[in-house]
Amino acid sequence: MNLRKLDGARVLILGGTGFVGKWLVSALLEAQYQLGLKYEISVVTRFPEKTSMQFKESAISLIEHDLSSATLDLPISDYYVHGATPSVRSTGSMNQQKAITSTLNGSISITNAIMKEPVARSVTFLSSGAVFGHQPSNMSHRPERSAEFPNHTLSPYGVSKLANELLISQLKSNFGTPISTPRLFAFYGPHIALDEHFAIGNFMRDASSGDPIKVLGNSQTTRSYMYPTDLIKNLLQLIVHPEDIPINLGSADALTLGSVAECISSMFGDVGIQFLGEEKPSNHYVPETPWMINNRQNITSVSFEDGLERWKAWLETST
């Protein structure tokens, strides 16, 4: 990728203090330092007082606003990144209407800004693998282009993401704005919540406390996990070189929850595992990744085990 295309640009990030946002902003700050680039970064956040000290000491402009309440008159920018969908309880993930409204108001706010001044070089909407709905048991990997309406297996979250993909696509149709709508799957590593609905985060919480890992779902449920540095490398590629085709972002290496728990237990000195959900049906959430394979510089570079070790070290130094 050529990050020098960002030099002199205005970059606006909605949802810049969530999991993906923190990693993305940190990478942009590091690129400024390492490459000597100069670009403006603006971050829309509900809680500017909770942003990291690194952000506060930089030249980032923090815009305080709750998109679940209303749209926002955004500053005209060259690059827009929309990741304003609550994903943890503290930001409203348990309130489906709030999550849906926040996502929609973000898309409308970007659309309004481009209608006023259609100078954007790209708009990147962070969609989700949830747009596919239930993955059939006989489907090992989810193809990139199989999301569609109607789909009775879609959650309200998945419906919202797919609907906003369609809304963002109108920017290209109506204004010629380059767009990307990557569908993010599962990730692990620093800044993943340890007390939410992320199984791998719960496993790390249990093990780091010296407790047996509790596997609440079927141990044969499959997931795949990408480390944040690989996620951000791919996102930056899409920001500076937008692709208006459906793209799956995540690892294609399927792992059972049982094997994930065993790996984490071993890393913490064999804390033990309690399998508490074997009566539940297994499910699958693993993507095909042809775009990543075709862009060879974007294939996963951090192994699952290496990523766990990095996460463990980060947890030990951040507590």
C-alpha atoms as a PDB file:
ATOM      1  CA  MET A   1       0.000   0.000   0.000  1.00  0.00           C
ATOM      2  CA  ASN A   2       1.071   3.602  -0.460  1.00  0.00           C
ATOM      3  CA  LEU A   3       0.229   5.517   2.711  1.00  0.00           C
ATOM      4  CA  ARG A   4       1.886   8.589   1.247  1.00  0.00           C
ATOM      5  CA  LYS A   5      -1.423   9.140  -0.560  1.00  0.00           C
ATOM      6  CA  LEU A   6      -2.687  10.333   2.826  1.00  0.00           C
ATOM      7  CA  ASP A   7      -0.118  13.132   3.025  1.00  0.00           C
ATOM      8  CA  GLY A   8      -1.892  16.460   3.408  1.00  0.00           C
ATOM      9  CA  ALA A   9      -5.315  14.794   3.626  1.00  0.00           C
ATOM     10  CA  ARG A  10      -8.174  15.100   6.101  1.00  0.00           C
ATOM     11  CA  VAL A  11      -9.107  11.743   7.686  1.00  0.00           C
ATOM     12  CA  LEU A  12     -12.366  11.424   9.626  1.00  0.00           C
ATOM     13  CA  ILE A  13     -13.134   8.335  11.726  1.00  0.00           C
ATOM     14  CA  LEU A  14     -16.555   7.603  13.201  1.00  0.00           C
ATOM     15  CA  GLY A  15     -16.177   5.149  16.065  1.00  0.00           C
ATOM     16  CA  GLY A  16     -12.504   5.914  16.521  1.00  0.00           C
ATOM     17  CA  THR A  17     -12.310   4.872  20.156  1.00  0.00           C
ATOM     18  CA  GLY A  18     -13.683   1.328  19.821  1.00  0.00           C
ATOM     19  CA  PHE A  19     -11.586  -1.801  19.278  1.00  0.00           C
ATOM     20  CA  VAL A  20     -10.938  -1.257  15.559  1.00  0.00           C
ATOM     21  CA  GLY A  21     -10.802   2.516  15.928  1.00  0.00           C
ATOM     22  CA  LYS A  22      -8.076   2.453  18.574  1.00  0.00           C
ATOM     23  CA  TRP A  23      -5.875   0.241  16.432  1.00  0.00           C
ATOM     24  CA  LEU A  24      -6.552   2.286  13.286  1.00  0.00           C
ATOM     25  CA  VAL A  25      -5.830   5.650  14.900  1.00  0.00           C
ATOM     26  CA  SER A  26      -2.663   4.266  16.520  1.00  0.00           C
ATOM     27  CA  ALA A  27      -1.471   2.989  13.125  1.00  0.00           C
ATOM     28  CA  LEU A  28      -2.159   6.344  11.479  1.00  0.00           C
ATOM     29  CA  LEU A  29      -0.219   8.140  14.224  1.00  0.00           C
ATOM     30  CA  GLU A  30       2.677   5.715  13.826  1.00  0.00           C
ATOM     31  CA  ALA A  31       2.675   6.221  10.044  1.00  0.00           C
ATOM     32  CA  GLN A  32       2.870   9.975  10.547  1.00  0.00           C
ATOM     33  CA  TYR A  33       5.927   9.504  12.733  1.00  0.00           C
ATOM     34  CA  GLN A  34       7.684   6.801  10.725  1.00  0.00           C
ATOM     35  CA  LEU A  35       7.032   8.231   7.251  1.00  0.00           C
ATOM     36  CA  GLY A  36       7.047  11.920   8.113  1.00  0.00           C
ATOM     37  CA  LEU A  37       3.495  12.387   6.815  1.00  0.00           C
ATOM     38  CA  LYS A  38       1.214  15.254   7.666  1.00  0.00           C
ATOM     39  CA  TYR A  39      -2.514  14.652   7.686  1.00  0.00           C
ATOM     40  CA  GLU A  40      -5.391  15.749   9.868  1.00  0.00           C
ATOM     41  CA  ILE A  41      -7.187  13.107  11.933  1.00  0.00           C
ATOM     42  CA  SER A  42     -10.644  13.801  13.347  1.00  0.00           C
ATOM     43  CA  VAL A  43     -12.396  11.269  15.582  1.00  0.00           C
ATOM     44  CA  VAL A  44     -16.096  11.278  16.468  1.00  0.00           C
ATOM     45  CA  THR A  45     -16.626   9.827  19.946  1.00  0.00           C
ATOM     46  CA  ARG A  46     -19.244   9.894  22.675  1.00  0.00           C
ATOM     47  CA  PHE A  47     -16.664   9.898  25.427  1.00  0.00           C
ATOM     48  CA  PRO A  48     -13.672  12.134  24.606  1.00  0.00           C
ATOM     49  CA  GLU A  49     -12.634  12.077  28.259  1.00  0.00           C
ATOM     50  CA  LYS A  50     -12.112   8.310  27.985  1.00  0.00           C
ATOM     51  CA  THR A  51      -9.798   8.431  24.992  1.00  0.00           C
ATOM     52  CA  SER A  52      -6.249   7.242  25.497  1.00  0.00           C
ATOM     53  CA  MET A  53      -3.540   9.659  26.578  1.00  0.00           C
ATOM     54  CA  GLN A  54      -1.764   8.898  23.294  1.00  0.00           C
ATOM     55  CA  PHE A  55      -4.709  10.385  21.407  1.00  0.00           C
ATOM     56  CA  LYS A  56      -4.959  13.408  23.706  1.00  0.00           C
ATOM     57  CA  GLU A  57      -1.289  14.272  23.286  1.00  0.00           C
ATOM     58  CA  SER A  58      -1.436  14.056  19.485  1.00  0.00           C
ATOM     59  CA  ALA A  59      -2.839  16.442  16.924  1.00  0.00           C
ATOM     60  CA  ILE A  60      -6.121  14.512  16.708  1.00  0.00           C
ATOM     61  CA  SER A  61      -9.334  16.525  16.748  1.00  0.00           C
ATOM     62  CA  LEU A  62     -11.913  14.894  19.012  1.00  0.00           C
ATOM     63  CA  ILE A  63     -15.557  15.590  18.123  1.00  0.00           C
ATOM     64  CA  GLU A  64     -17.942  14.773  20.959  1.00  0.00           C
ATOM     65  CA  HIS A  65     -21.229  13.390  19.666  1.00  0.00           C
ATOM     66  CA  ASP A  66     -23.578  10.444  20.194  1.00  0.00           C
ATOM     67  CA  LEU A  67     -24.717   9.207  16.791  1.00  0.00           C
ATOM     68  CA  SER A  68     -27.414   7.076  18.387  1.00  0.00           C
ATOM     69  CA  SER A  69     -29.183  10.352  19.242  1.00  0.00           C
ATOM     70  CA  ALA A  70     -28.833  12.352  16.031  1.00  0.00           C
ATOM     71  CA  THR A  71     -26.897  12.840  12.837  1.00  0.00           C
ATOM     72  CA  LEU A  72     -23.895  15.173  12.851  1.00  0.00           C
ATOM     73  CA  ASP A  73     -22.739  17.986  10.588  1.00  0.00           C
ATOM     74  CA  LEU A  74     -19.336  16.505   9.785  1.00  0.00           C
ATOM     75  CA  PRO A  75     -16.278  18.449   8.684  1.00  0.00           C
ATOM     76  CA  ILE A  76     -15.527  17.989   4.990  1.00  0.00           C
ATOM     77  CA  SER A  77     -12.884  15.293   4.680  1.00  0.00           C
ATOM     78  CA  ASP A  78     -10.869  13.409   2.085  1.00  0.00           C
ATOM     79  CA  TYR A  79     -11.179  10.002   3.755  1.00  0.00           C
ATOM     80  CA  TYR A  80     -14.156   8.832   5.815  1.00  0.00           C
ATOM     81  CA  VAL A  81     -14.090   5.657   7.919  1.00  0.00           C
ATOM     82  CA  HIS A  82     -17.412   4.602   9.452  1.00  0.00           C
ATOM     83  CA  GLY A  83     -17.162   2.192  12.359  1.00  0.00           C
ATOM     84  CA  ALA A  84     -19.758   3.753  14.651  1.00  0.00           C
ATOM     85  CA  THR A  85     -21.705   0.657  15.709  1.00  0.00           C
ATOM     86  CA  PRO A  86     -21.803  -0.196  19.437  1.00  0.00           C
ATOM     87  CA  SER A  87     -20.233  -3.614  20.067  1.00  0.00           C
ATOM     88  CA  VAL A  88     -19.945  -3.788  23.875  1.00  0.00           C
ATOM     89  CA  ARG A  89     -22.394  -3.111  26.701  1.00  0.00           C
ATOM     90  CA  SER A  90     -20.737   0.149  27.755  1.00  0.00           C
ATOM     91  CA  THR A  91     -21.404   1.644  24.320  1.00  0.00           C
ATOM     92  CA  GLY A  92     -24.925   0.295  23.964  1.00  0.00           C
ATOM     93  CA  SER A  93     -24.613  -3.048  22.170  1.00  0.00           C
ATOM     94  CA  MET A  94     -27.443  -4.519  24.260  1.00  0.00           C
ATOM     95  CA  ASN A  95     -29.813  -1.870  22.905  1.00  0.00           C
ATOM     96  CA  GLN A  96     -30.503  -3.056  19.359  1.00  0.00           C
ATOM     97  CA  GLN A  97     -32.322   0.111  18.380  1.00  0.00           C
ATOM     98  CA  LYS A  98     -29.427   2.239  19.614  1.00  0.00           C
ATOM     99  CA  ALA A  99     -26.915   0.208  17.635  1.00  0.00           C
ATOM    100  CA  ILE A 100     -29.028   0.384  14.474  1.00  0.00           C
ATOM    101  CA  THR A 101     -29.649   4.128  14.831  1.00  0.00           C
ATOM    102  CA  SER A 102     -25.988   4.883  15.479  1.00  0.00           C
ATOM    103  CA  THR A 103     -24.939   3.064  12.316  1.00  0.00           C
ATOM    104  CA  LEU A 104     -27.630   4.690  10.192  1.00  0.00           C
ATOM    105  CA  ASN A 105     -26.957   8.200  11.499  1.00  0.00           C
ATOM    106  CA  GLY A 106     -23.271   7.743  10.753  1.00  0.00           C
ATOM    107  CA  SER A 107     -24.020   6.778   7.146  1.00  0.00           C
ATOM    108  CA  ILE A 108     -26.448   9.682   6.741  1.00  0.00           C
ATOM    109  CA  SER A 109     -23.941  12.138   8.222  1.00  0.00           C
ATOM    110  CA  ILE A 110     -21.254  11.041   5.751  1.00  0.00           C
ATOM    111  CA  THR A 111     -23.741  11.194   2.879  1.00  0.00           C
ATOM    112  CA  ASN A 112     -24.766  14.727   3.845  1.00  0.00           C
ATOM    113  CA  ALA A 113     -21.132  15.850   3.991  1.00  0.00           C
ATOM    114  CA  ILE A 114     -20.424  14.441   0.529  1.00  0.00           C
ATOM    115  CA  MET A 115     -23.599  15.994  -0.876  1.00  0.00           C
ATOM    116  CA  LYS A 116     -22.320  19.381   0.280  1.00  0.00           C
ATOM    117  CA  GLU A 117     -18.824  18.889  -1.098  1.00  0.00           C
ATOM    118  CA  PRO A 118     -18.147  15.679  -3.082  1.00  0.00           C
ATOM    119  CA  VAL A 119     -14.359  15.691  -2.753  1.00  0.00           C
ATOM    120  CA  ALA A 120     -13.902  12.445  -0.800  1.00  0.00           C
ATOM    121  CA  ARG A 121     -11.172  10.141  -2.046  1.00  0.00           C
ATOM    122  CA  SER A 122     -12.758   7.179  -0.290  1.00  0.00           C
ATOM    123  CA  VAL A 123     -15.446   6.120   2.178  1.00  0.00           C
ATOM    124  CA  THR A 124     -14.821   2.914   4.127  1.00  0.00           C
ATOM    125  CA  PHE A 125     -17.793   1.380   5.920  1.00  0.00           C
ATOM    126  CA  LEU A 126     -16.859  -1.292   8.443  1.00  0.00           C
ATOM    127  CA  SER A 127     -19.475  -3.955   7.830  1.00  0.00           C
ATOM    128  CA  SER A 128     -19.595  -7.402   9.415  1.00  0.00           C
ATOM    129  CA  GLY A 129     -19.720 -11.097   8.679  1.00  0.00           C
ATOM    130  CA  ALA A 130     -23.113 -10.897  10.385  1.00  0.00           C
ATOM    131  CA  VAL A 131     -24.575  -9.778   7.027  1.00  0.00           C
ATOM    132  CA  PHE A 132     -24.542 -13.446   5.966  1.00  0.00           C
ATOM    133  CA  GLY A 133     -26.738 -14.716   8.783  1.00  0.00           C
ATOM    134  CA  HIS A 134     -26.525 -18.350   9.870  1.00  0.00           C
ATOM    135  CA  GLN A 135     -23.668 -20.311   8.302  1.00  0.00           C
ATOM    136  CA  PRO A 136     -24.936 -23.795   7.320  1.00  0.00           C
ATOM    137  CA  SER A 137     -23.199 -26.713   9.010  1.00  0.00           C
ATOM    138  CA  ASN A 138     -22.107 -28.106   5.633  1.00  0.00           C
ATOM    139  CA  MET A 139     -20.444 -24.803   4.667  1.00  0.00           C
ATOM    140  CA  SER A 140     -16.886 -24.709   6.018  1.00  0.00           C
ATOM    141  CA  HIS A 141     -16.155 -21.147   4.815  1.00  0.00           C
ATOM    142  CA  ARG A 142     -18.483 -18.296   3.943  1.00  0.00           C
ATOM    143  CA  PRO A 143     -18.086 -17.062   0.315  1.00  0.00           C
ATOM    144  CA  GLU A 144     -17.562 -13.320  -0.110  1.00  0.00           C
ATOM    145  CA  ARG A 145     -20.560 -12.592  -2.306  1.00  0.00           C
ATOM    146  CA  SER A 146     -23.351 -14.620  -0.726  1.00  0.00           C
ATOM    147  CA  ALA A 147     -25.063 -11.957   1.411  1.00  0.00           C
ATOM    148  CA  GLU A 148     -28.544 -11.033   0.270  1.00  0.00           C
ATOM    149  CA  PHE A 149     -32.032  -9.878   1.244  1.00  0.00           C
ATOM    150  CA  PRO A 150     -34.348 -11.402   2.328  1.00  0.00           C
ATOM    151  CA  ASN A 151     -32.654 -13.689   4.822  1.00  0.00           C
ATOM    152  CA  HIS A 152     -34.673 -14.819   7.841  1.00  0.00           C
ATOM    153  CA  THR A 153     -31.493 -15.872   9.704  1.00  0.00           C
ATOM    154  CA  LEU A 154     -30.160 -12.311   9.879  1.00  0.00           C
ATOM    155  CA  SER A 155     -29.986 -10.663  13.295  1.00  0.00           C
ATOM    156  CA  PRO A 156     -31.089  -7.010  13.603  1.00  0.00           C
ATOM    157  CA  TYR A 157     -27.371  -6.173  13.720  1.00  0.00           C
ATOM    158  CA  GLY A 158     -26.782  -8.046  10.452  1.00  0.00           C
ATOM    159  CA  VAL A 159     -29.784  -6.377   8.808  1.00  0.00           C
ATOM    160  CA  SER A 160     -28.460  -2.977   9.845  1.00  0.00           C
ATOM    161  CA  LYS A 161     -24.991  -3.662   8.469  1.00  0.00           C
ATOM    162  CA  LEU A 162     -26.308  -4.955   5.145  1.00  0.00           C
ATOM    163  CA  ALA A 163     -28.754  -2.058   4.773  1.00  0.00           C
ATOM    164  CA  ASN A 164     -25.972   0.444   5.426  1.00  0.00           C
ATOM    165  CA  GLU A 165     -23.753  -1.277   2.862  1.00  0.00           C
ATOM    166  CA  LEU A 166     -26.474  -0.500   0.329  1.00  0.00           C
ATOM    167  CA  LEU A 167     -26.766   3.089   1.554  1.00  0.00           C
ATOM    168  CA  ILE A 168     -23.008   3.672   1.310  1.00  0.00           C
ATOM    169  CA  SER A 169     -22.971   2.133  -2.182  1.00  0.00           C
ATOM    170  CA  GLN A 170     -25.207   4.982  -3.344  1.00  0.00           C
ATOM    171  CA  LEU A 171     -22.311   7.374  -2.798  1.00  0.00           C
ATOM    172  CA  LYS A 172     -20.511   5.773  -5.714  1.00  0.00           C
ATOM    173  CA  SER A 173     -23.642   5.663  -7.853  1.00  0.00           C
ATOM    174  CA  ASN A 174     -24.669   9.257  -7.152  1.00  0.00           C
ATOM    175  CA  PHE A 175     -21.361  11.091  -6.676  1.00  0.00           C
ATOM    176  CA  GLY A 176     -18.666   8.775  -8.024  1.00  0.00           C
ATOM    177  CA  THR A 177     -17.173   8.462  -4.518  1.00  0.00           C
ATOM    178  CA  PRO A 178     -14.815   5.475  -4.202  1.00  0.00           C
ATOM    179  CA  ILE A 179     -16.111   3.130  -1.479  1.00  0.00           C
ATOM    180  CA  SER A 180     -15.115   0.005   0.414  1.00  0.00           C
ATOM    181  CA  THR A 181     -17.392  -2.093   2.620  1.00  0.00           C
ATOM    182  CA  PRO A 182     -15.181  -4.764   4.210  1.00  0.00           C
ATOM    183  CA  ARG A 183     -17.066  -7.396   6.200  1.00  0.00           C
ATOM    184  CA  LEU A 184     -15.166  -7.970   9.418  1.00  0.00           C
ATOM    185  CA  PHE A 185     -15.209 -11.398  11.059  1.00  0.00           C
ATOM    186  CA  ALA A 186     -13.568 -12.351  14.386  1.00  0.00           C
ATOM    187  CA  PHE A 187     -10.456 -10.837  15.938  1.00  0.00           C
ATOM    188  CA  TYR A 188      -8.410 -11.216  19.093  1.00  0.00           C
ATOM    189  CA  GLY A 189      -5.721  -9.318  20.921  1.00  0.00           C
ATOM    190  CA  PRO A 190      -5.253  -6.098  22.910  1.00  0.00           C
ATOM    191  CA  HIS A 191      -8.426  -4.033  23.436  1.00  0.00           C
ATOM    192  CA  ILE A 192     -10.779  -6.995  22.937  1.00  0.00           C
ATOM    193  CA  ALA A 193     -13.138  -6.950  25.928  1.00  0.00           C
ATOM    194  CA  LEU A 194     -12.652  -9.780  28.425  1.00  0.00           C
ATOM    195  CA  ASP A 195     -16.137  -9.578  29.943  1.00  0.00           C
ATOM    196  CA  GLU A 196     -18.416  -9.353  26.914  1.00  0.00           C
ATOM    197  CA  HIS A 197     -19.854 -11.824  24.383  1.00  0.00           C
ATOM    198  CA  PHE A 198     -16.455 -12.608  22.838  1.00  0.00           C
ATOM    199  CA  ALA A 199     -15.648 -16.206  23.775  1.00  0.00           C
ATOM    200  CA  ILE A 200     -11.913 -15.829  23.291  1.00  0.00           C
ATOM    201  CA  GLY A 201     -11.880 -12.764  25.545  1.00  0.00           C
ATOM    202  CA  ASN A 202     -13.716 -14.706  28.235  1.00  0.00           C
ATOM    203  CA  PHE A 203     -11.186 -17.538  27.895  1.00  0.00           C
ATOM    204  CA  MET A 204      -8.300 -15.089  28.383  1.00  0.00           C
ATOM    205  CA  ARG A 205     -10.028 -13.570  31.413  1.00  0.00           C
ATOM    206  CA  ASP A 206     -10.497 -16.959  33.064  1.00  0.00           C
ATOM    207  CA  ALA A 207      -6.984 -18.185  32.340  1.00  0.00           C
ATOM    208  CA  SER A 208      -5.208 -14.961  33.321  1.00  0.00           C
ATOM    209  CA  SER A 209      -7.028 -15.118  36.672  1.00  0.00           C
ATOM    210  CA  GLY A 210      -5.803 -18.688  37.189  1.00  0.00           C
ATOM    211  CA  ASP A 211      -9.322 -20.099  36.859  1.00  0.00           C
ATOM    212  CA  PRO A 212     -10.459 -22.980  34.649  1.00  0.00           C
ATOM    213  CA  ILE A 213     -11.623 -21.803  31.232  1.00  0.00           C
ATOM    214  CA  LYS A 214     -15.393 -22.037  30.904  1.00  0.00           C
ATOM    215  CA  VAL A 215     -16.556 -23.025  27.418  1.00  0.00           C
ATOM    216  CA  LEU A 216     -20.238 -22.042  27.441  1.00  0.00           C
ATOM    217  CA  GLY A 217     -20.966 -23.102  23.849  1.00  0.00           C
ATOM    218  CA  ASN A 218     -20.445 -26.377  22.012  1.00  0.00           C
ATOM    219  CA  SER A 219     -16.732 -27.153  21.888  1.00  0.00           C
ATOM    220  CA  GLN A 220     -17.034 -28.026  18.164  1.00  0.00           C
ATOM    221  CA  THR A 221     -18.243 -24.538  17.246  1.00  0.00           C
ATOM    222  CA  THR A 222     -15.736 -23.074  14.787  1.00  0.00           C
ATOM    223  CA  ARG A 223     -14.299 -19.582  14.605  1.00  0.00           C
ATOM    224  CA  SER A 224     -11.272 -18.005  12.992  1.00  0.00           C
ATOM    225  CA  TYR A 225      -9.261 -15.187  14.505  1.00  0.00           C
ATOM    226  CA  MET A 226      -7.152 -12.437  12.965  1.00  0.00           C
ATOM    227  CA  TYR A 227      -4.668 -10.384  14.971  1.00  0.00           C
ATOM    228  CA  PRO A 228      -5.317  -6.613  14.903  1.00  0.00           C
ATOM    229  CA  THR A 229      -2.109  -5.698  13.085  1.00  0.00           C
ATOM    230  CA  ASP A 230      -3.212  -7.832  10.120  1.00  0.00           C
ATOM    231  CA  LEU A 231      -6.701  -6.339  10.273  1.00  0.00           C
ATOM    232  CA  ILE A 232      -5.348  -2.778  10.196  1.00  0.00           C
ATOM    233  CA  LYS A 233      -2.914  -3.548   7.388  1.00  0.00           C
ATOM    234  CA  ASN A 234      -5.837  -4.677   5.263  1.00  0.00           C
ATOM    235  CA  LEU A 235      -8.054  -1.762   6.292  1.00  0.00           C
ATOM    236  CA  LEU A 236      -5.376   0.778   5.397  1.00  0.00           C
ATOM    237  CA  GLN A 237      -5.045  -0.901   2.016  1.00  0.00           C
ATOM    238  CA  LEU A 238      -8.779  -0.465   1.432  1.00  0.00           C
ATOM    239  CA  ILE A 239      -8.779   3.131   2.649  1.00  0.00           C
ATOM    240  CA  VAL A 240      -6.081   4.272   0.229  1.00  0.00           C
ATOM    241  CA  HIS A 241      -7.010   1.819  -2.565  1.00  0.00           C
ATOM    242  CA  PRO A 242     -10.799   1.383  -2.246  1.00  0.00           C
ATOM    243  CA  GLU A 243     -12.533  -1.703  -3.657  1.00  0.00           C
ATOM    244  CA  ASP A 244     -16.290  -1.510  -4.240  1.00  0.00           C
ATOM    245  CA  ILE A 245     -16.787  -5.276  -4.128  1.00  0.00           C
ATOM    246  CA  PRO A 246     -17.788  -7.407  -1.127  1.00  0.00           C
ATOM    247  CA  ILE A 247     -14.648  -8.286   0.829  1.00  0.00           C
ATOM    248  CA  ASN A 248     -14.293 -10.637   3.792  1.00  0.00           C
ATOM    249  CA  LEU A 249     -11.697  -9.515   6.336  1.00  0.00           C
ATOM    250  CA  GLY A 250     -10.593 -12.178   8.772  1.00  0.00           C
ATOM    251  CA  SER A 251      -8.624 -15.378   9.023  1.00  0.00           C
ATOM    252  CA  ALA A 252      -9.628 -18.411   6.954  1.00  0.00           C
ATOM    253  CA  ASP A 253      -8.024 -20.784   9.480  1.00  0.00           C
ATOM    254  CA  ALA A 254     -10.936 -22.505  11.241  1.00  0.00           C
ATOM    255  CA  LEU A 255     -10.502 -23.405  14.911  1.00  0.00           C
ATOM    256  CA  THR A 256     -12.904 -25.152  17.266  1.00  0.00           C
ATOM    257  CA  LEU A 257     -13.654 -23.402  20.545  1.00  0.00           C
ATOM    258  CA  GLY A 258     -12.339 -26.499  22.262  1.00  0.00           C
ATOM    259  CA  SER A 259      -8.947 -26.200  20.586  1.00  0.00           C
ATOM    260  CA  VAL A 260      -8.813 -22.453  21.320  1.00  0.00           C
ATOM    261  CA  ALA A 261      -9.500 -23.139  24.994  1.00  0.00           C
ATOM    262  CA  GLU A 262      -6.816 -25.833  25.076  1.00  0.00           C
ATOM    263  CA  CYS A 263      -4.260 -23.505  23.509  1.00  0.00           C
ATOM    264  CA  ILE A 264      -4.976 -20.728  26.010  1.00  0.00           C
ATOM    265  CA  SER A 265      -5.030 -23.123  28.975  1.00  0.00           C
ATOM    266  CA  SER A 266      -1.613 -24.477  27.991  1.00  0.00           C
ATOM    267  CA  MET A 267      -0.202 -20.962  27.589  1.00  0.00           C
ATOM    268  CA  PHE A 268      -1.187 -20.132  31.172  1.00  0.00           C
ATOM    269  CA  GLY A 269       0.209 -23.334  32.667  1.00  0.00           C
ATOM    270  CA  ASP A 270      -2.722 -25.714  32.171  1.00  0.00           C
ATOM    271  CA  VAL A 271      -5.442 -23.989  34.185  1.00  0.00           C
ATOM    272  CA  GLY A 272      -7.992 -26.560  33.067  1.00  0.00           C
ATOM    273  CA  ILE A 273     -11.171 -26.358  30.993  1.00  0.00           C
ATOM    274  CA  GLN A 274     -14.833 -26.784  31.883  1.00  0.00           C
ATOM    275  CA  PHE A 275     -17.034 -27.756  28.923  1.00  0.00           C
ATOM    276  CA  LEU A 276     -20.471 -26.435  29.911  1.00  0.00           C
ATOM    277  CA  GLY A 277     -22.311 -26.187  26.600  1.00  0.00           C
ATOM    278  CA  GLU A 278     -21.978 -29.563  24.887  1.00  0.00           C
ATOM    279  CA  GLU A 279     -25.761 -29.923  24.647  1.00  0.00           C
ATOM    280  CA  LYS A 280     -25.968 -26.767  22.521  1.00  0.00           C
ATOM    281  CA  PRO A 281     -25.750 -26.980  18.708  1.00  0.00           C
ATOM    282  CA  SER A 282     -22.430 -26.068  17.154  1.00  0.00           C
ATOM    283  CA  ASN A 283     -22.214 -23.139  14.755  1.00  0.00           C
ATOM    284  CA  HIS A 284     -19.677 -21.769  12.324  1.00  0.00           C
ATOM    285  CA  TYR A 285     -18.321 -18.324  11.491  1.00  0.00           C
ATOM    286  CA  VAL A 286     -15.347 -18.608   9.134  1.00  0.00           C
ATOM    287  CA  PRO A 287     -14.783 -16.627   5.918  1.00  0.00           C
ATOM    288  CA  GLU A 288     -13.377 -17.359   2.514  1.00  0.00           C
ATOM    289  CA  THR A 289     -10.785 -14.656   1.810  1.00  0.00           C
ATOM    290  CA  PRO A 290     -10.076 -14.512  -1.946  1.00  0.00           C
ATOM    291  CA  TRP A 291      -9.410 -10.754  -1.962  1.00  0.00           C
ATOM    292  CA  MET A 292      -6.769 -11.151   0.727  1.00  0.00           C
ATOM    293  CA  ILE A 293      -5.200 -14.078  -1.116  1.00  0.00           C
ATOM    294  CA  ASN A 294      -5.093 -12.182  -4.408  1.00  0.00           C
ATOM    295  CA  ASN A 295      -3.452  -9.228  -2.623  1.00  0.00           C
ATOM    296  CA  ARG A 296      -0.618 -11.345  -1.307  1.00  0.00           C
ATOM    297  CA  GLN A 297       0.841  -8.637   0.888  1.00  0.00           C
ATOM    298  CA  ASN A 298      -2.361  -8.766   2.916  1.00  0.00           C
ATOM    299  CA  ILE A 299      -2.475 -12.422   3.944  1.00  0.00           C
ATOM    300  CA  THR A 300      -2.312 -13.173   7.649  1.00  0.00           C
ATOM    301  CA  SER A 301       1.231 -12.676   8.949  1.00  0.00           C
ATOM    302  CA  VAL A 302       0.709 -13.231  12.707  1.00  0.00           C
ATOM    303  CA  SER A 303       0.072 -16.853  13.656  1.00  0.00           C
ATOM    304  CA  PHE A 304      -2.690 -17.634  16.121  1.00  0.00           C
ATOM    305  CA  GLU A 305      -0.230 -18.811  18.780  1.00  0.00           C
ATOM    306  CA  ASP A 306       2.051 -15.795  18.326  1.00  0.00           C
ATOM    307  CA  GLY A 307      -0.935 -13.479  18.605  1.00  0.00           C
ATOM    308  CA  LEU A 308      -2.013 -15.112  21.865  1.00  0.00           C
ATOM    309  CA  GLU A 309       1.476 -14.645  23.303  1.00  0.00           C
ATOM    310  CA  ARG A 310       1.442 -10.970  22.306  1.00  0.00           C
ATOM    311  CA  TRP A 311      -1.974 -10.522  23.891  1.00  0.00           C
ATOM    312  CA  LYS A 312      -0.866 -12.255  27.084  1.00  0.00           C
ATOM    313  CA  ALA A 313       2.200 -10.003  27.335  1.00  0.00           C
ATOM    314  CA  TRP A 314       0.045  -6.924  26.761  1.00  0.00           C
ATOM    315  CA  LEU A 315      -2.409  -7.958  29.463  1.00  0.00           C
ATOM    316  CA  GLU A 316       0.454  -8.506  31.918  1.00  0.00           C
ATOM    317  CA  THR A 317       1.901  -5.048  31.299  1.00  0.00           C
ATOM    318  CA  SER A 318      -1.417  -3.167  31.192  1.00  0.00           C
ATOM    319  CA  THR A 319      -2.764  -4.335  34.553  1.00  0.00           C
END
